[in-house]
Protein backbone atom coordinates (compact mmCIF):
# COMPACT_ATOMS: atom_id res chain seq x y z
CA MET A 1 -0.43 4.13 43.39
CA LYS A 2 0.67 5.18 39.92
CA LYS A 3 -1.86 5.42 37.14
CA PHE A 4 -1.11 5.02 33.43
CA ARG A 5 -3.87 5.69 30.89
CA TYR A 6 -4.69 2.85 28.54
CA LYS A 7 -3.78 3.79 24.98
CA PHE A 8 -6.38 2.59 22.51
CA PRO A 9 -5.49 2.31 18.82
CA THR A 10 -6.08 5.62 17.04
CA ALA A 11 -8.72 4.14 14.71
CA LEU A 12 -10.74 2.82 17.66
CA THR A 13 -10.50 6.17 19.45
CA VAL A 14 -11.67 8.04 16.35
CA VAL A 15 -14.58 5.65 15.75
CA THR A 16 -15.61 5.90 19.41
CA ILE A 17 -15.54 9.70 19.31
CA ILE A 18 -17.54 9.81 16.06
CA ALA A 19 -20.09 7.35 17.49
CA SER A 20 -20.33 9.40 20.69
CA VAL A 21 -20.97 12.63 18.78
CA ALA A 22 -23.58 10.94 16.57
CA ILE A 23 -25.34 9.39 19.56
CA PHE A 24 -25.30 12.68 21.45
CA GLY A 25 -26.70 14.47 18.37
CA LEU A 26 -29.46 11.88 18.02
CA SER A 27 -30.47 12.30 21.65
CA LEU A 28 -30.45 16.09 21.26
CA PHE A 29 -32.68 15.76 18.17
CA ASN A 30 -35.12 13.59 20.12
CA ILE A 31 -35.17 16.08 23.00
CA LEU A 32 -36.02 18.86 20.54
CA ARG A 33 -38.82 16.68 19.11
CA LEU A 34 -40.19 16.08 22.61
CA CYS A 35 -40.17 19.84 23.28
CA GLU A 36 -41.75 20.43 19.83
CA VAL A 37 -39.20 23.07 18.90
CA GLY A 38 -39.85 24.69 15.52
CA SER A 39 -41.50 22.28 13.10
CA LEU A 40 -40.30 19.21 15.01
CA GLU A 41 -43.00 17.20 16.71
CA THR A 42 -43.15 13.79 18.27
CA ILE A 43 -45.42 11.01 17.13
CA ASN A 44 -44.73 8.65 20.02
CA PRO A 45 -43.40 10.44 23.14
CA ALA A 46 -42.66 7.21 25.03
CA LEU A 47 -40.46 5.96 22.21
CA ASP A 48 -38.59 9.28 22.03
CA ILE A 49 -38.03 9.29 25.80
CA LEU A 50 -36.73 5.72 25.66
CA SER A 51 -34.47 6.68 22.74
CA VAL A 52 -33.04 9.65 24.66
CA VAL A 53 -32.37 7.55 27.77
CA LEU A 54 -30.69 4.75 25.79
CA CYS A 55 -28.64 7.17 23.68
CA LEU A 56 -27.39 9.05 26.73
CA LEU A 57 -26.55 5.77 28.47
CA ILE A 58 -24.55 4.54 25.46
CA PHE A 59 -22.87 7.95 25.20
CA ALA A 60 -21.85 7.80 28.88
CA LEU A 61 -20.49 4.26 28.47
CA LEU A 62 -18.40 5.17 25.41
CA VAL A 63 -16.98 8.29 27.06
CA SER A 64 -16.20 6.41 30.29
CA LEU A 65 -14.42 3.72 28.27
CA LEU A 66 -12.06 6.31 26.83
CA ILE A 67 -11.54 8.27 30.04
CA PHE A 68 -11.35 5.65 32.80
CA SER A 69 -9.45 2.76 31.17
CA ALA A 70 -6.05 2.58 32.84
CA PHE A 71 -3.28 0.51 34.33
CA LYS A 72 -2.75 1.12 38.05
CA VAL A 73 0.46 -0.02 39.72
CA SER A 74 0.50 -0.31 43.51
CA ASN A 75 2.12 -2.47 46.17
CA LYS A 76 -0.85 -4.83 45.87
CA GLY A 77 -0.23 -5.46 42.18
CA ILE A 78 -1.05 -4.26 38.71
CA PHE A 79 -4.66 -3.50 37.97
CA LEU A 80 -6.07 -3.06 34.48
CA ASN A 81 -9.49 -1.46 34.34
CA LEU A 82 -11.17 -1.79 30.95
CA PHE A 83 -14.80 -0.80 30.87
CA PHE A 84 -16.54 -3.27 33.20
CA LYS A 85 -13.68 -5.77 33.18
CA SER A 86 -10.90 -5.54 35.73
CA TYR A 87 -7.72 -7.59 35.84
CA LYS A 88 -5.31 -7.96 38.76
CA ILE A 89 -1.77 -9.33 38.67
CA ARG A 90 -0.01 -9.88 41.99
CA PRO A 91 3.56 -8.51 42.25
CA ASP A 92 5.00 -11.94 43.12
CA ALA A 93 3.39 -13.45 39.99
CA ILE A 94 5.19 -11.14 37.57
CA VAL A 95 8.08 -12.90 35.84
CA THR A 96 9.38 -10.78 32.96
CA ILE A 97 8.79 -7.60 31.03
CA ARG A 98 9.92 -7.71 27.39
CA GLN A 99 10.19 -4.64 25.19
CA GLU A 100 11.04 -4.37 21.52
CA ARG A 101 13.52 -1.51 21.19
CA GLU A 102 12.31 0.18 18.01
CA SER A 103 8.53 0.21 18.49
CA LYS A 104 8.59 0.01 22.31
CA ALA A 105 5.96 -2.75 22.12
CA THR A 106 5.91 -4.16 25.65
CA ALA A 107 4.56 -7.37 27.13
CA LEU A 108 4.35 -8.39 30.77
CA TYR A 109 4.68 -12.12 31.52
CA TYR A 110 3.13 -13.48 34.71
CA LEU A 111 2.02 -16.70 36.38
CA SER A 112 -1.71 -17.26 36.07
CA GLU A 113 -3.49 -17.80 39.40
CA LYS A 114 -5.99 -20.20 37.82
CA SER A 115 -3.83 -22.48 35.69
CA GLY A 116 -0.31 -21.81 36.96
CA ASP A 117 0.84 -21.29 33.36
CA ILE A 118 2.80 -18.29 32.21
CA GLU A 119 0.53 -15.81 30.46
CA PHE A 120 1.24 -12.40 29.02
CA LEU A 121 -0.43 -9.02 28.84
CA VAL A 122 0.41 -6.47 26.17
CA ILE A 123 1.00 -3.13 27.85
CA CYS A 124 -0.83 -0.40 25.95
CA VAL A 125 0.31 2.90 27.39
CA SER A 126 1.74 5.95 25.69
CA SER A 127 5.33 5.52 24.48
CA LYS A 128 6.41 8.42 26.70
CA ASP A 129 4.98 6.64 29.77
CA ILE A 130 6.24 3.11 29.08
CA ASP A 131 9.60 3.60 30.81
CA ALA A 132 7.86 5.00 33.91
CA PHE A 133 5.49 2.01 33.83
CA ILE A 134 8.39 -0.46 33.71
CA LYS A 135 10.12 1.36 36.57
CA ALA A 136 6.93 1.30 38.66
CA VAL A 137 6.56 -2.45 38.10
CA VAL A 138 10.20 -3.12 39.01
CA ASP A 139 9.75 -1.01 42.16
CA ILE A 140 6.89 -3.23 43.39
CA ALA A 141 8.38 -6.50 42.08
CA PRO A 142 12.20 -6.43 42.19
CA GLN A 143 12.43 -10.05 40.97
CA VAL A 144 11.16 -9.01 37.52
CA LYS A 145 13.61 -9.37 34.64
CA VAL A 146 13.39 -6.61 32.06
CA GLU A 147 14.47 -7.72 28.59
CA TYR A 148 15.01 -5.51 25.56
CA PHE A 149 15.20 -7.09 22.13
CA ASP A 150 15.38 -6.28 18.42
CA LEU A 151 13.25 -7.97 15.80
CA THR A 152 16.07 -8.04 13.28
C-alpha cells in the first residue's frame, strides 16, 4: 500500500494551525486558572474543566485532520481518508486520470457504485508526489487512460 498525504490549500493549513495554537493556549490558560497559579483563580471550576476538555478535543481533531488525511493506493482500490469521512474507489471502476500540464492539477474519473455515472475526484497531493500517485494507480488498474492536456 502506498500512502500520499492530502495537500490542503495553504490558507486552510495556516488557519488550522493558528486555531490549534489559540485553542491550546486557551486550554493552558484554563489549566493555570484551575491550579490558581499566580493571581489567576477560577470562579467556576466545573466550567473551566469542561472548557479544557473541549479545547483539547478540538485541538486533537484539528491536528489529526492535518496529519492523517491521505490517499492510500492498494490492490483493493484507492482510499481517501479525510477526517471522519472515508472514500473508496475500486480499481476496476477507475476510467481516466487527467492532468493539466502546467499546474499539474489532476482529476481521477471513475464509475460511481451507487448511480453508475462517471464521477471525478480532484487529487490533492504534493506536486512532487503526483507522478508517483499516477504510477501507483496505473499499477493497480492497467485499464486506466492517463491524459495530459493544456488549457491554452
